[in-house]
Amino acid sequence: MEWERLLREQQPGLHCVSDPGVKDIQEVRSKSDCIMLLKDRMVNSNLASVEELKEIDVKVRRESEDAAQFATAYPESPLEELGYHIYSIRGANQWIKFKSVS
């Protein structure tokens, strides 16, 4: 059958023909990426130069790499502490034990 022949000929690890290519992805990003659009507007409005934006990109990248290294350098928190500091409620104290109403 035709579909069996196609399956045999298809190389493993390759993507479907309908998957977007690099060119397609770059085109979509250039038209809809909010960061790229903001950069273009800032440069066109003379709010920032291309060099200033590149410096910001370098600083942000360096800061995110430092944060990732910091996060991976320390051991994981114990399981019983994973829920701590997820959210806070003003006036609530997690260490106070409440009496059951029932």
C-alpha atoms as a PDB file:
ATOM      1  CA  MET A   1       0.000   0.000   0.000  1.00  0.00           C
ATOM      2  CA  GLU A   2       1.010   3.583  -0.553  1.00  0.00           C
ATOM      3  CA  TRP A   3       1.022   4.589   3.138  1.00  0.00           C
ATOM      4  CA  GLU A   4       3.284   1.638   4.024  1.00  0.00           C
ATOM      5  CA  ARG A   5       5.783   2.718   1.388  1.00  0.00           C
ATOM      6  CA  LEU A   6       5.704   6.280   2.714  1.00  0.00           C
ATOM      7  CA  LEU A   7       6.291   5.080   6.276  1.00  0.00           C
ATOM      8  CA  ARG A   8       9.265   2.964   5.199  1.00  0.00           C
ATOM      9  CA  GLU A   9      10.810   5.803   3.194  1.00  0.00           C
ATOM     10  CA  GLN A  10      10.376   8.384   5.924  1.00  0.00           C
ATOM     11  CA  GLN A  11      13.583   8.883   7.879  1.00  0.00           C
ATOM     12  CA  PRO A  12      13.299   8.822  11.658  1.00  0.00           C
ATOM     13  CA  GLY A  13      13.864  12.114  13.391  1.00  0.00           C
ATOM     14  CA  LEU A  14      12.637  14.275  10.542  1.00  0.00           C
ATOM     15  CA  HIS A  15       9.654  16.509  10.993  1.00  0.00           C
ATOM     16  CA  CYS A  16       6.531  16.559   8.957  1.00  0.00           C
ATOM     17  CA  VAL A  17       6.624  18.576   5.746  1.00  0.00           C
ATOM     18  CA  SER A  18       3.913  20.820   7.159  1.00  0.00           C
ATOM     19  CA  ASP A  19       6.087  21.898  10.126  1.00  0.00           C
ATOM     20  CA  PRO A  20       7.102  25.539   9.871  1.00  0.00           C
ATOM     21  CA  GLY A  21      10.659  26.198   8.806  1.00  0.00           C
ATOM     22  CA  VAL A  22      13.131  28.624  10.296  1.00  0.00           C
ATOM     23  CA  LYS A  23      12.226  31.261   7.734  1.00  0.00           C
ATOM     24  CA  ASP A  24       8.520  30.967   8.561  1.00  0.00           C
ATOM     25  CA  ILE A  25       9.165  31.211  12.294  1.00  0.00           C
ATOM     26  CA  GLN A  26      11.366  34.285  11.868  1.00  0.00           C
ATOM     27  CA  GLU A  27       8.708  35.928   9.716  1.00  0.00           C
ATOM     28  CA  VAL A  28       6.002  35.350  12.321  1.00  0.00           C
ATOM     29  CA  ARG A  29       8.265  36.616  15.105  1.00  0.00           C
ATOM     30  CA  SER A  30       9.124  39.776  13.201  1.00  0.00           C
ATOM     31  CA  LYS A  31       5.421  40.544  12.705  1.00  0.00           C
ATOM     32  CA  SER A  32       3.942  39.502  16.053  1.00  0.00           C
ATOM     33  CA  ASP A  33       6.691  39.333  18.699  1.00  0.00           C
ATOM     34  CA  CYS A  34       5.820  42.058  21.201  1.00  0.00           C
ATOM     35  CA  ILE A  35       9.442  42.622  22.222  1.00  0.00           C
ATOM     36  CA  MET A  36      10.588  43.049  18.631  1.00  0.00           C
ATOM     37  CA  LEU A  37       7.672  45.382  17.911  1.00  0.00           C
ATOM     38  CA  LEU A  38       8.480  47.487  20.986  1.00  0.00           C
ATOM     39  CA  LYS A  39      12.148  47.702  19.985  1.00  0.00           C
ATOM     40  CA  ASP A  40      11.196  48.835  16.481  1.00  0.00           C
ATOM     41  CA  ARG A  41       8.831  51.479  17.840  1.00  0.00           C
ATOM     42  CA  MET A  42      11.419  52.747  20.319  1.00  0.00           C
ATOM     43  CA  VAL A  43      14.078  53.069  17.619  1.00  0.00           C
ATOM     44  CA  ASN A  44      11.665  54.678  15.141  1.00  0.00           C
ATOM     45  CA  SER A  45      10.498  57.162  17.818  1.00  0.00           C
ATOM     46  CA  ASN A  46      14.092  57.977  18.806  1.00  0.00           C
ATOM     47  CA  LEU A  47      13.426  56.801  22.364  1.00  0.00           C
ATOM     48  CA  ALA A  48      16.424  54.451  22.238  1.00  0.00           C
ATOM     49  CA  SER A  49      19.188  53.572  19.839  1.00  0.00           C
ATOM     50  CA  VAL A  50      19.923  50.111  18.518  1.00  0.00           C
ATOM     51  CA  GLU A  51      23.156  50.083  20.528  1.00  0.00           C
ATOM     52  CA  GLU A  52      21.308  50.895  23.763  1.00  0.00           C
ATOM     53  CA  LEU A  53      18.838  48.086  23.140  1.00  0.00           C
ATOM     54  CA  LYS A  54      21.696  45.666  22.444  1.00  0.00           C
ATOM     55  CA  GLU A  55      23.322  46.659  25.742  1.00  0.00           C
ATOM     56  CA  ILE A  56      20.036  45.993  27.533  1.00  0.00           C
ATOM     57  CA  ASP A  57      19.768  42.600  25.833  1.00  0.00           C
ATOM     58  CA  VAL A  58      23.286  41.684  26.980  1.00  0.00           C
ATOM     59  CA  LYS A  59      22.525  42.741  30.569  1.00  0.00           C
ATOM     60  CA  VAL A  60      19.239  40.822  30.626  1.00  0.00           C
ATOM     61  CA  ARG A  61      20.853  37.707  29.180  1.00  0.00           C
ATOM     62  CA  ARG A  62      23.704  37.901  31.699  1.00  0.00           C
ATOM     63  CA  GLU A  63      21.270  38.391  34.587  1.00  0.00           C
ATOM     64  CA  SER A  64      19.115  35.433  33.514  1.00  0.00           C
ATOM     65  CA  GLU A  65      22.194  33.204  33.132  1.00  0.00           C
ATOM     66  CA  ASP A  66      23.390  34.224  36.607  1.00  0.00           C
ATOM     67  CA  ALA A  67      19.955  33.455  38.045  1.00  0.00           C
ATOM     68  CA  ALA A  68      19.912  30.053  36.340  1.00  0.00           C
ATOM     69  CA  GLN A  69      23.371  29.216  37.697  1.00  0.00           C
ATOM     70  CA  PHE A  70      22.313  30.336  41.176  1.00  0.00           C
ATOM     71  CA  ALA A  71      19.175  28.190  40.987  1.00  0.00           C
ATOM     72  CA  THR A  72      21.026  25.069  39.868  1.00  0.00           C
ATOM     73  CA  ALA A  73      23.922  25.501  42.313  1.00  0.00           C
ATOM     74  CA  TYR A  74      21.811  24.969  45.428  1.00  0.00           C
ATOM     75  CA  PRO A  75      20.044  21.756  46.446  1.00  0.00           C
ATOM     76  CA  GLU A  76      16.302  21.445  46.101  1.00  0.00           C
ATOM     77  CA  SER A  77      14.137  22.373  49.054  1.00  0.00           C
ATOM     78  CA  PRO A  78      12.710  19.549  51.149  1.00  0.00           C
ATOM     79  CA  LEU A  79       9.310  18.329  50.009  1.00  0.00           C
ATOM     80  CA  GLU A  80       7.521  19.739  53.050  1.00  0.00           C
ATOM     81  CA  GLU A  81       8.819  23.256  52.240  1.00  0.00           C
ATOM     82  CA  LEU A  82       7.776  23.383  48.589  1.00  0.00           C
ATOM     83  CA  GLY A  83       4.502  25.150  49.353  1.00  0.00           C
ATOM     84  CA  TYR A  84       6.091  27.941  51.393  1.00  0.00           C
ATOM     85  CA  HIS A  85       6.115  31.476  49.997  1.00  0.00           C
ATOM     86  CA  ILE A  86       3.919  30.675  47.011  1.00  0.00           C
ATOM     87  CA  TYR A  87       1.412  33.329  48.005  1.00  0.00           C
ATOM     88  CA  SER A  88       0.764  35.456  51.026  1.00  0.00           C
ATOM     89  CA  ILE A  89      -2.408  36.663  52.643  1.00  0.00           C
ATOM     90  CA  ARG A  90      -2.174  39.908  54.546  1.00  0.00           C
ATOM     91  CA  GLY A  91      -2.633  39.330  58.247  1.00  0.00           C
ATOM     92  CA  ALA A  92      -2.325  35.533  58.023  1.00  0.00           C
ATOM     93  CA  ASN A  93       0.390  33.684  59.892  1.00  0.00           C
ATOM     94  CA  GLN A  94       1.205  30.191  58.633  1.00  0.00           C
ATOM     95  CA  TRP A  95       2.665  29.177  61.982  1.00  0.00           C
ATOM     96  CA  ILE A  96      -0.560  29.709  63.977  1.00  0.00           C
ATOM     97  CA  LYS A  97      -2.575  26.529  64.462  1.00  0.00           C
ATOM     98  CA  PHE A  98      -6.327  27.012  64.156  1.00  0.00           C
ATOM     99  CA  LYS A  99      -8.871  25.082  66.171  1.00  0.00           C
ATOM    100  CA  SER A 100     -11.314  22.914  64.303  1.00  0.00           C
ATOM    101  CA  VAL A 101     -14.904  24.148  64.337  1.00  0.00           C
ATOM    102  CA  SER A 102     -16.415  20.689  63.985  1.00  0.00           C
END
